[in-house]
Structure formats: structure tokens, C-alpha cells
């Protein structure tokens, strides 16, 4: 059985999963007309994209996929470089 290997960049650095998420934040309105400093409710509304793998060292970006079988099911795998 093979061990899972975390995705790495061509430069050798570990890759991070990055996705844009939209969050809806609700604030109470105070008696003075301003809104409260702390949110009364936060919830994720949607994701703007499906995400990508990114390298913080050299800024390369890669597509990703998931493994679909075996002992490492549902783990991230690096795909092709995004130009």
C-alpha cells in the first residue's frame, strides 16, 4: 500500500488549497443609527469558484482533483499547472 504524499509545487514547496467564499454577515442596528461592531450572525452563502492549489513561495497555481478509491479516498491530488 502506497503512502499518501501531499501535493508539492515544482519549486518543492508545499501547496495550499485556496477558494473564494462569500460570507453573509448580519449586524444589529443600534439606537444611535450605527451598526454593532460584532456580527449577530455569519453564514456562508456560496463559493465563487471551485478553488485551486497555490504556492506561496513562487505563486504557481495548479488544478486539483480528489482520489476516488483506495485507502486515500477523497484526498487532494495536484493537477496541471494553471498558466
C-alpha atoms as a PDB file:
ATOM      1  CA  UNK A   1       0.000   0.000   0.000  1.00  0.00           C
ATOM      2  CA  UNK A   2       1.411   3.408  -1.024  1.00  0.00           C
ATOM      3  CA  UNK A   3       1.586   6.276   1.427  1.00  0.00           C
ATOM      4  CA  UNK A   4      -0.275   9.445   0.535  1.00  0.00           C
ATOM      5  CA  UNK A   5       2.017  12.312  -0.463  1.00  0.00           C
ATOM      6  CA  UNK A   6       0.867  15.889  -0.039  1.00  0.00           C
ATOM      7  CA  UNK A   7       0.845  17.934  -3.254  1.00  0.00           C
ATOM      8  CA  UNK A   8       4.036  19.962  -3.798  1.00  0.00           C
ATOM      9  CA  UNK A   9       4.961  22.710  -6.238  1.00  0.00           C
ATOM     10  CA  UNK A  10       7.595  22.376  -8.949  1.00  0.00           C
ATOM     11  CA  UNK A  11       9.811  24.548  -6.705  1.00  0.00           C
ATOM     12  CA  UNK A  12       9.471  21.961  -3.910  1.00  0.00           C
ATOM     13  CA  UNK A  13       7.250  23.970  -1.532  1.00  0.00           C
ATOM     14  CA  UNK A  14       4.002  22.542  -0.131  1.00  0.00           C
ATOM     15  CA  UNK A  15       0.836  23.673  -1.889  1.00  0.00           C
ATOM     16  CA  UNK A  16      -2.175  25.239  -0.179  1.00  0.00           C
ATOM     17  CA  UNK A  17      -5.825  24.849  -1.180  1.00  0.00           C
ATOM     18  CA  UNK A  18      -7.344  28.248  -1.960  1.00  0.00           C
ATOM     19  CA  UNK A  19     -11.008  29.008  -2.652  1.00  0.00           C
ATOM     20  CA  UNK A  20     -13.033  32.235  -2.665  1.00  0.00           C
ATOM     21  CA  UNK A  21     -16.045  32.029  -0.380  1.00  0.00           C
ATOM     22  CA  UNK A  22     -18.854  34.532   0.042  1.00  0.00           C
ATOM     23  CA  UNK A  23     -19.982  35.079   3.595  1.00  0.00           C
ATOM     24  CA  UNK A  24     -23.185  36.848   4.540  1.00  0.00           C
ATOM     25  CA  UNK A  25     -22.818  38.817   7.769  1.00  0.00           C
ATOM     26  CA  UNK A  26     -25.747  40.287   9.710  1.00  0.00           C
ATOM     27  CA  UNK A  27     -25.353  43.193  12.165  1.00  0.00           C
ATOM     28  CA  UNK A  28     -27.838  44.692  14.632  1.00  0.00           C
ATOM     29  CA  UNK A  29     -28.625  48.388  14.184  1.00  0.00           C
ATOM     30  CA  UNK A  30     -28.001  50.343  17.376  1.00  0.00           C
ATOM     31  CA  UNK A  31     -30.265  53.098  18.770  1.00  0.00           C
ATOM     32  CA  UNK A  32     -27.773  55.742  17.601  1.00  0.00           C
ATOM     33  CA  UNK A  33     -28.110  54.569  13.975  1.00  0.00           C
ATOM     34  CA  UNK A  34     -24.762  52.815  13.706  1.00  0.00           C
ATOM     35  CA  UNK A  35     -24.466  49.077  13.305  1.00  0.00           C
ATOM     36  CA  UNK A  36     -22.935  46.923  16.019  1.00  0.00           C
ATOM     37  CA  UNK A  37     -19.209  46.113  15.957  1.00  0.00           C
ATOM     38  CA  UNK A  38     -19.858  42.393  16.308  1.00  0.00           C
ATOM     39  CA  UNK A  39     -21.897  40.430  13.840  1.00  0.00           C
ATOM     40  CA  UNK A  40     -25.049  38.833  15.176  1.00  0.00           C
ATOM     41  CA  UNK A  41     -24.978  36.121  12.509  1.00  0.00           C
ATOM     42  CA  UNK A  42     -22.487  34.781   9.951  1.00  0.00           C
ATOM     43  CA  UNK A  43     -23.174  32.182   7.315  1.00  0.00           C
ATOM     44  CA  UNK A  44     -21.516  31.018   4.135  1.00  0.00           C
ATOM     45  CA  UNK A  45     -23.760  31.736   1.192  1.00  0.00           C
ATOM     46  CA  UNK A  46     -21.772  30.313  -1.714  1.00  0.00           C
ATOM     47  CA  UNK A  47     -18.387  29.657  -3.231  1.00  0.00           C
ATOM     48  CA  UNK A  48     -17.299  31.866  -6.120  1.00  0.00           C
ATOM     49  CA  UNK A  49     -15.156  29.175  -7.710  1.00  0.00           C
ATOM     50  CA  UNK A  50     -14.027  25.610  -7.271  1.00  0.00           C
ATOM     51  CA  UNK A  51     -10.624  26.616  -5.979  1.00  0.00           C
ATOM     52  CA  UNK A  52      -7.085  25.708  -6.876  1.00  0.00           C
ATOM     53  CA  UNK A  53      -3.791  24.729  -5.303  1.00  0.00           C
ATOM     54  CA  UNK A  54      -1.378  27.613  -4.823  1.00  0.00           C
ATOM     55  CA  UNK A  55       2.275  28.009  -3.857  1.00  0.00           C
ATOM     56  CA  UNK A  56       3.044  30.910  -1.526  1.00  0.00           C
ATOM     57  CA  UNK A  57       6.764  30.696  -2.391  1.00  0.00           C
ATOM     58  CA  UNK A  58       6.711  31.141  -6.198  1.00  0.00           C
ATOM     59  CA  UNK A  59       2.969  31.899  -6.726  1.00  0.00           C
ATOM     60  CA  UNK A  60       2.394  28.987  -9.128  1.00  0.00           C
ATOM     61  CA  UNK A  61      -1.191  27.705  -9.281  1.00  0.00           C
ATOM     62  CA  UNK A  62      -2.401  24.204 -10.122  1.00  0.00           C
ATOM     63  CA  UNK A  63      -5.673  22.452 -10.816  1.00  0.00           C
ATOM     64  CA  UNK A  64      -6.551  19.735  -8.339  1.00  0.00           C
ATOM     65  CA  UNK A  65      -8.507  16.553  -8.134  1.00  0.00           C
ATOM     66  CA  UNK A  66      -9.500  14.055  -5.474  1.00  0.00           C
ATOM     67  CA  UNK A  67      -8.563  10.419  -5.247  1.00  0.00           C
ATOM     68  CA  UNK A  68     -11.708   8.329  -5.684  1.00  0.00           C
ATOM     69  CA  UNK A  69     -10.680   4.918  -4.410  1.00  0.00           C
ATOM     70  CA  UNK A  70      -8.341   3.055  -2.118  1.00  0.00           C
ATOM     71  CA  UNK A  71      -7.148   3.916   1.378  1.00  0.00           C
ATOM     72  CA  UNK A  72      -6.553   7.573   0.439  1.00  0.00           C
ATOM     73  CA  UNK A  73     -10.075   8.224  -0.876  1.00  0.00           C
ATOM     74  CA  UNK A  74     -11.126  11.905  -1.035  1.00  0.00           C
ATOM     75  CA  UNK A  75      -7.629  13.366  -0.630  1.00  0.00           C
ATOM     76  CA  UNK A  76      -6.290  16.203  -2.772  1.00  0.00           C
ATOM     77  CA  UNK A  77      -4.008  15.432  -5.703  1.00  0.00           C
ATOM     78  CA  UNK A  78      -2.167  18.026  -7.779  1.00  0.00           C
ATOM     79  CA  UNK A  79      -3.259  18.518 -11.378  1.00  0.00           C
ATOM     80  CA  UNK A  80      -1.875  20.563 -14.263  1.00  0.00           C
ATOM     81  CA  UNK A  81      -0.247  23.967 -13.792  1.00  0.00           C
ATOM     82  CA  UNK A  82      -2.559  26.936 -14.468  1.00  0.00           C
ATOM     83  CA  UNK A  83      -0.934  29.479 -16.790  1.00  0.00           C
END
